[in-house]
Amino acid sequence: MSENHFDVVLEELTDRAVGRLLKADAFDAPAFDALKDHLRQKAAGLQSEAALSKQISLSLRSAAGAIRSRAEYLPDVRQHLQRAEDFDRMLDLLIAGETRSDRSPGVPLII
């Protein structure tokens, strides 16, 4: 099964993390960690794909957006703004057909 097919687990993890933050103003760090871990696992199977599913794109964008929007007025969410950057970076790498392990800190990317 392609990583781009609808993923029930991804839907549940996104709702547990993003949905809870948006609906209850409660930041659940383990839920966001589980979401990020699941997306990282999917990323390995997506490197050679020409397209990225809307579900994956939405999950990454909504996670980053929810953190940023709630950080504006919830002090306990402000300390997690780096997580929003992590979700953005993950989407950028997926678009480029790369994963986190493809990049080495301090080493320029040679094309």
N, C-alpha and C. Protein backbone atom coordinates (compact mmCIF):
# COMPACT_ATOMS: atom_id res chain seq x y z
N MET A 1 0.84 -1.19 0.00
CA MET A 1 0.00 0.00 0.00
C MET A 1 0.88 1.25 0.00
N SER A 2 0.55 2.18 -0.82
CA SER A 2 1.31 3.42 -0.92
C SER A 2 1.13 4.28 0.32
N GLU A 3 2.17 4.98 0.68
CA GLU A 3 2.11 5.90 1.82
C GLU A 3 1.17 7.08 1.54
N ASN A 4 0.83 7.27 0.28
CA ASN A 4 -0.04 8.37 -0.10
C ASN A 4 -1.52 8.04 0.03
N HIS A 5 -1.87 6.78 0.25
CA HIS A 5 -3.27 6.41 0.43
C HIS A 5 -3.78 6.94 1.76
N PHE A 6 -5.10 7.07 1.87
CA PHE A 6 -5.69 7.58 3.11
C PHE A 6 -5.21 6.74 4.29
N ASP A 7 -4.81 7.41 5.34
CA ASP A 7 -4.21 6.77 6.52
C ASP A 7 -5.08 7.08 7.74
N VAL A 8 -5.78 6.07 8.23
CA VAL A 8 -6.67 6.24 9.38
C VAL A 8 -5.86 6.61 10.62
N VAL A 9 -4.70 6.01 10.78
CA VAL A 9 -3.86 6.31 11.94
C VAL A 9 -3.42 7.77 11.92
N LEU A 10 -3.03 8.26 10.74
CA LEU A 10 -2.63 9.66 10.62
C LEU A 10 -3.79 10.58 10.99
N GLU A 11 -4.97 10.22 10.54
CA GLU A 11 -6.17 11.01 10.85
C GLU A 11 -6.40 11.07 12.37
N GLU A 12 -6.26 9.93 13.03
CA GLU A 12 -6.46 9.88 14.49
C GLU A 12 -5.38 10.66 15.24
N LEU A 13 -4.14 10.51 14.80
CA LEU A 13 -3.05 11.22 15.46
C LEU A 13 -3.17 12.73 15.28
N THR A 14 -3.57 13.15 14.10
CA THR A 14 -3.76 14.58 13.84
C THR A 14 -4.88 15.14 14.71
N ASP A 15 -5.96 14.40 14.81
CA ASP A 15 -7.08 14.86 15.65
C ASP A 15 -6.68 14.90 17.12
N ARG A 16 -5.92 13.90 17.55
CA ARG A 16 -5.51 13.86 18.95
C ARG A 16 -4.60 15.03 19.31
N ALA A 17 -3.74 15.42 18.38
CA ALA A 17 -2.81 16.52 18.65
C ALA A 17 -3.43 17.86 18.28
N VAL A 18 -3.70 18.05 17.00
CA VAL A 18 -4.19 19.34 16.50
C VAL A 18 -5.61 19.61 16.96
N GLY A 19 -6.48 18.62 16.83
CA GLY A 19 -7.87 18.81 17.23
C GLY A 19 -8.01 19.20 18.69
N ARG A 20 -7.26 18.52 19.53
CA ARG A 20 -7.33 18.84 20.97
C ARG A 20 -6.82 20.25 21.25
N LEU A 21 -5.74 20.63 20.56
CA LEU A 21 -5.20 21.98 20.78
C LEU A 21 -6.20 23.04 20.32
N LEU A 22 -6.82 22.83 19.18
CA LEU A 22 -7.76 23.82 18.65
C LEU A 22 -9.09 23.85 19.39
N LYS A 23 -9.56 22.69 19.82
CA LYS A 23 -10.88 22.62 20.46
C LYS A 23 -10.83 22.88 21.96
N ALA A 24 -9.76 22.42 22.61
CA ALA A 24 -9.72 22.52 24.07
C ALA A 24 -8.59 23.41 24.58
N ASP A 25 -7.83 24.01 23.66
CA ASP A 25 -6.68 24.82 24.05
C ASP A 25 -5.74 24.06 24.99
N ALA A 26 -5.58 22.77 24.72
CA ALA A 26 -4.71 21.92 25.54
C ALA A 26 -3.61 21.35 24.65
N PHE A 27 -2.35 21.71 24.96
CA PHE A 27 -1.23 21.20 24.17
C PHE A 27 -0.79 19.86 24.76
N ASP A 28 -0.85 18.83 23.93
CA ASP A 28 -0.48 17.47 24.34
C ASP A 28 0.82 17.11 23.63
N ALA A 29 1.96 17.36 24.29
CA ALA A 29 3.27 17.13 23.68
C ALA A 29 3.44 15.69 23.19
N PRO A 30 3.06 14.67 23.98
CA PRO A 30 3.20 13.30 23.47
C PRO A 30 2.36 13.03 22.21
N ALA A 31 1.21 13.68 22.07
CA ALA A 31 0.38 13.51 20.87
C ALA A 31 1.09 14.12 19.66
N PHE A 32 1.69 15.29 19.84
CA PHE A 32 2.44 15.90 18.73
C PHE A 32 3.68 15.08 18.39
N ASP A 33 4.33 14.50 19.40
CA ASP A 33 5.48 13.63 19.14
C ASP A 33 5.06 12.40 18.36
N ALA A 34 3.94 11.80 18.72
CA ALA A 34 3.45 10.61 18.01
C ALA A 34 3.10 10.95 16.57
N LEU A 35 2.50 12.12 16.36
CA LEU A 35 2.17 12.57 15.01
C LEU A 35 3.44 12.74 14.18
N LYS A 36 4.43 13.42 14.76
CA LYS A 36 5.68 13.64 14.04
C LYS A 36 6.39 12.33 13.72
N ASP A 37 6.41 11.40 14.68
CA ASP A 37 7.04 10.10 14.46
C ASP A 37 6.35 9.33 13.34
N HIS A 38 5.03 9.36 13.33
CA HIS A 38 4.28 8.65 12.28
C HIS A 38 4.57 9.26 10.91
N LEU A 39 4.62 10.58 10.85
CA LEU A 39 4.91 11.25 9.58
C LEU A 39 6.34 10.97 9.12
N ARG A 40 7.27 10.88 10.04
CA ARG A 40 8.65 10.55 9.67
C ARG A 40 8.73 9.14 9.08
N GLN A 41 7.98 8.22 9.65
CA GLN A 41 7.96 6.85 9.11
C GLN A 41 7.40 6.85 7.69
N LYS A 42 6.35 7.63 7.48
CA LYS A 42 5.75 7.71 6.14
C LYS A 42 6.70 8.37 5.15
N ALA A 43 7.50 9.31 5.62
CA ALA A 43 8.39 10.07 4.74
C ALA A 43 9.36 9.17 3.98
N ALA A 44 9.84 8.14 4.61
CA ALA A 44 10.79 7.24 3.95
C ALA A 44 10.17 6.59 2.71
N GLY A 45 8.90 6.26 2.78
CA GLY A 45 8.22 5.65 1.65
C GLY A 45 7.75 6.64 0.60
N LEU A 46 7.90 7.93 0.90
CA LEU A 46 7.41 8.96 -0.02
C LEU A 46 8.52 9.60 -0.85
N GLN A 47 9.76 9.25 -0.60
CA GLN A 47 10.87 9.90 -1.30
C GLN A 47 10.77 9.78 -2.81
N SER A 48 10.35 8.65 -3.29
CA SER A 48 10.31 8.46 -4.74
C SER A 48 8.95 8.79 -5.36
N GLU A 49 8.01 9.23 -4.53
CA GLU A 49 6.68 9.58 -5.04
C GLU A 49 6.72 10.94 -5.74
N ALA A 50 5.99 11.05 -6.82
CA ALA A 50 5.93 12.31 -7.57
C ALA A 50 4.95 13.30 -6.95
N ALA A 51 4.03 12.79 -6.14
CA ALA A 51 3.01 13.66 -5.53
C ALA A 51 2.89 13.34 -4.05
N LEU A 52 2.35 14.28 -3.32
CA LEU A 52 2.15 14.14 -1.88
C LEU A 52 0.66 14.28 -1.61
N SER A 53 0.10 13.36 -0.83
CA SER A 53 -1.34 13.38 -0.59
C SER A 53 -1.77 14.64 0.15
N LYS A 54 -2.99 15.04 -0.11
CA LYS A 54 -3.56 16.19 0.58
C LYS A 54 -3.65 15.93 2.08
N GLN A 55 -3.91 14.69 2.48
CA GLN A 55 -4.02 14.36 3.89
C GLN A 55 -2.70 14.63 4.61
N ILE A 56 -1.59 14.23 4.02
CA ILE A 56 -0.29 14.44 4.64
C ILE A 56 0.03 15.93 4.69
N SER A 57 -0.20 16.62 3.59
CA SER A 57 0.05 18.07 3.54
C SER A 57 -0.79 18.80 4.58
N LEU A 58 -2.06 18.44 4.66
CA LEU A 58 -2.96 19.07 5.63
C LEU A 58 -2.52 18.80 7.06
N SER A 59 -2.11 17.59 7.33
CA SER A 59 -1.68 17.23 8.68
C SER A 59 -0.47 18.07 9.10
N LEU A 60 0.51 18.19 8.21
CA LEU A 60 1.71 18.97 8.52
C LEU A 60 1.40 20.45 8.67
N ARG A 61 0.62 21.00 7.74
CA ARG A 61 0.29 22.42 7.81
C ARG A 61 -0.60 22.75 9.01
N SER A 62 -1.56 21.88 9.31
CA SER A 62 -2.46 22.16 10.43
C SER A 62 -1.72 22.05 11.76
N ALA A 63 -0.78 21.13 11.87
CA ALA A 63 0.00 21.02 13.10
C ALA A 63 0.80 22.30 13.34
N ALA A 64 1.50 22.76 12.32
CA ALA A 64 2.29 23.98 12.45
C ALA A 64 1.39 25.19 12.71
N GLY A 65 0.31 25.28 11.97
CA GLY A 65 -0.60 26.42 12.12
C GLY A 65 -1.29 26.47 13.47
N ALA A 66 -1.69 25.31 13.97
CA ALA A 66 -2.37 25.26 15.28
C ALA A 66 -1.43 25.71 16.39
N ILE A 67 -0.18 25.26 16.33
CA ILE A 67 0.79 25.66 17.36
C ILE A 67 1.00 27.16 17.31
N ARG A 68 1.21 27.69 16.11
CA ARG A 68 1.44 29.14 15.99
C ARG A 68 0.23 29.96 16.43
N SER A 69 -0.97 29.53 16.05
CA SER A 69 -2.15 30.32 16.40
C SER A 69 -2.42 30.31 17.90
N ARG A 70 -2.22 29.19 18.54
CA ARG A 70 -2.48 29.13 19.99
C ARG A 70 -1.34 29.72 20.80
N ALA A 71 -0.13 29.76 20.23
CA ALA A 71 1.00 30.36 20.95
C ALA A 71 0.82 31.86 21.14
N GLU A 72 -0.03 32.46 20.32
CA GLU A 72 -0.27 33.90 20.43
C GLU A 72 -0.89 34.27 21.77
N TYR A 73 -1.69 33.37 22.34
CA TYR A 73 -2.36 33.72 23.59
C TYR A 73 -2.28 32.65 24.68
N LEU A 74 -1.62 31.54 24.42
CA LEU A 74 -1.43 30.52 25.45
C LEU A 74 0.06 30.40 25.76
N PRO A 75 0.49 30.93 26.91
CA PRO A 75 1.92 30.93 27.25
C PRO A 75 2.56 29.53 27.24
N ASP A 76 1.83 28.50 27.64
CA ASP A 76 2.43 27.17 27.68
C ASP A 76 2.64 26.60 26.28
N VAL A 77 1.97 27.15 25.26
CA VAL A 77 2.17 26.70 23.88
C VAL A 77 3.35 27.44 23.26
N ARG A 78 3.63 28.65 23.72
CA ARG A 78 4.74 29.45 23.18
C ARG A 78 6.07 28.71 23.24
N GLN A 79 6.25 27.93 24.28
CA GLN A 79 7.52 27.21 24.43
C GLN A 79 7.67 26.07 23.41
N HIS A 80 6.62 25.79 22.66
CA HIS A 80 6.65 24.71 21.67
C HIS A 80 6.66 25.23 20.23
N LEU A 81 6.97 26.51 20.04
CA LEU A 81 6.98 27.08 18.69
C LEU A 81 7.98 26.38 17.77
N GLN A 82 9.06 25.84 18.32
CA GLN A 82 10.04 25.13 17.50
C GLN A 82 9.39 23.91 16.82
N ARG A 83 8.41 23.34 17.45
CA ARG A 83 7.71 22.19 16.85
C ARG A 83 7.00 22.60 15.56
N ALA A 84 6.48 23.81 15.52
CA ALA A 84 5.84 24.29 14.29
C ALA A 84 6.88 24.36 13.17
N GLU A 85 8.07 24.84 13.50
CA GLU A 85 9.16 24.89 12.51
C GLU A 85 9.53 23.48 12.05
N ASP A 86 9.51 22.52 12.97
CA ASP A 86 9.83 21.14 12.63
C ASP A 86 8.83 20.57 11.62
N PHE A 87 7.54 20.85 11.82
CA PHE A 87 6.52 20.37 10.88
C PHE A 87 6.69 21.05 9.51
N ASP A 88 7.00 22.35 9.51
CA ASP A 88 7.25 23.05 8.25
C ASP A 88 8.45 22.45 7.52
N ARG A 89 9.52 22.20 8.26
CA ARG A 89 10.73 21.63 7.68
C ARG A 89 10.45 20.25 7.10
N MET A 90 9.64 19.47 7.80
CA MET A 90 9.31 18.14 7.32
C MET A 90 8.56 18.22 5.99
N LEU A 91 7.62 19.14 5.87
CA LEU A 91 6.89 19.32 4.62
C LEU A 91 7.84 19.76 3.51
N ASP A 92 8.74 20.68 3.81
CA ASP A 92 9.70 21.14 2.81
C ASP A 92 10.57 19.98 2.32
N LEU A 93 11.02 19.12 3.23
CA LEU A 93 11.84 17.98 2.84
C LEU A 93 11.04 16.98 2.00
N LEU A 94 9.78 16.76 2.37
CA LEU A 94 8.94 15.86 1.58
C LEU A 94 8.75 16.39 0.16
N ILE A 95 8.55 17.68 0.04
CA ILE A 95 8.40 18.30 -1.28
C ILE A 95 9.67 18.12 -2.09
N ALA A 96 10.82 18.22 -1.44
CA ALA A 96 12.10 18.06 -2.12
C ALA A 96 12.46 16.60 -2.37
N GLY A 97 11.64 15.67 -1.85
CA GLY A 97 11.93 14.26 -2.02
C GLY A 97 13.03 13.76 -1.11
N GLU A 98 13.17 14.40 0.04
CA GLU A 98 14.22 14.04 0.99
C GLU A 98 13.61 13.68 2.34
N THR A 99 14.44 13.12 3.20
CA THR A 99 14.06 12.89 4.58
C THR A 99 15.09 13.57 5.48
N ARG A 100 14.81 13.61 6.74
CA ARG A 100 15.69 14.23 7.70
C ARG A 100 17.07 13.59 7.67
N SER A 101 17.14 12.28 7.46
CA SER A 101 18.42 11.57 7.48
C SER A 101 19.27 11.87 6.24
N ASP A 102 18.66 12.47 5.21
CA ASP A 102 19.42 12.82 4.01
C ASP A 102 20.29 14.05 4.22
N ARG A 103 19.99 14.82 5.23
CA ARG A 103 20.73 16.05 5.51
C ARG A 103 21.65 15.86 6.70
N SER A 104 22.88 16.35 6.58
CA SER A 104 23.83 16.33 7.69
C SER A 104 24.08 17.76 8.13
N PRO A 105 23.97 18.04 9.43
CA PRO A 105 24.19 19.41 9.91
C PRO A 105 25.58 19.89 9.56
N GLY A 106 25.67 21.11 9.04
CA GLY A 106 26.95 21.72 8.73
C GLY A 106 27.55 21.29 7.41
N VAL A 107 26.88 20.39 6.69
CA VAL A 107 27.39 19.93 5.39
C VAL A 107 26.47 20.47 4.31
N PRO A 108 27.02 21.23 3.36
CA PRO A 108 26.17 21.78 2.31
C PRO A 108 25.63 20.69 1.41
N LEU A 109 24.42 20.92 0.90
CA LEU A 109 23.79 19.99 -0.02
C LEU A 109 24.37 20.20 -1.40
N ILE A 110 24.89 19.14 -1.98
CA ILE A 110 25.46 19.21 -3.33
C ILE A 110 24.47 18.61 -4.30
N ILE A 111 24.10 19.40 -5.28
CA ILE A 111 23.10 18.94 -6.27
C ILE A 111 23.81 18.58 -7.56
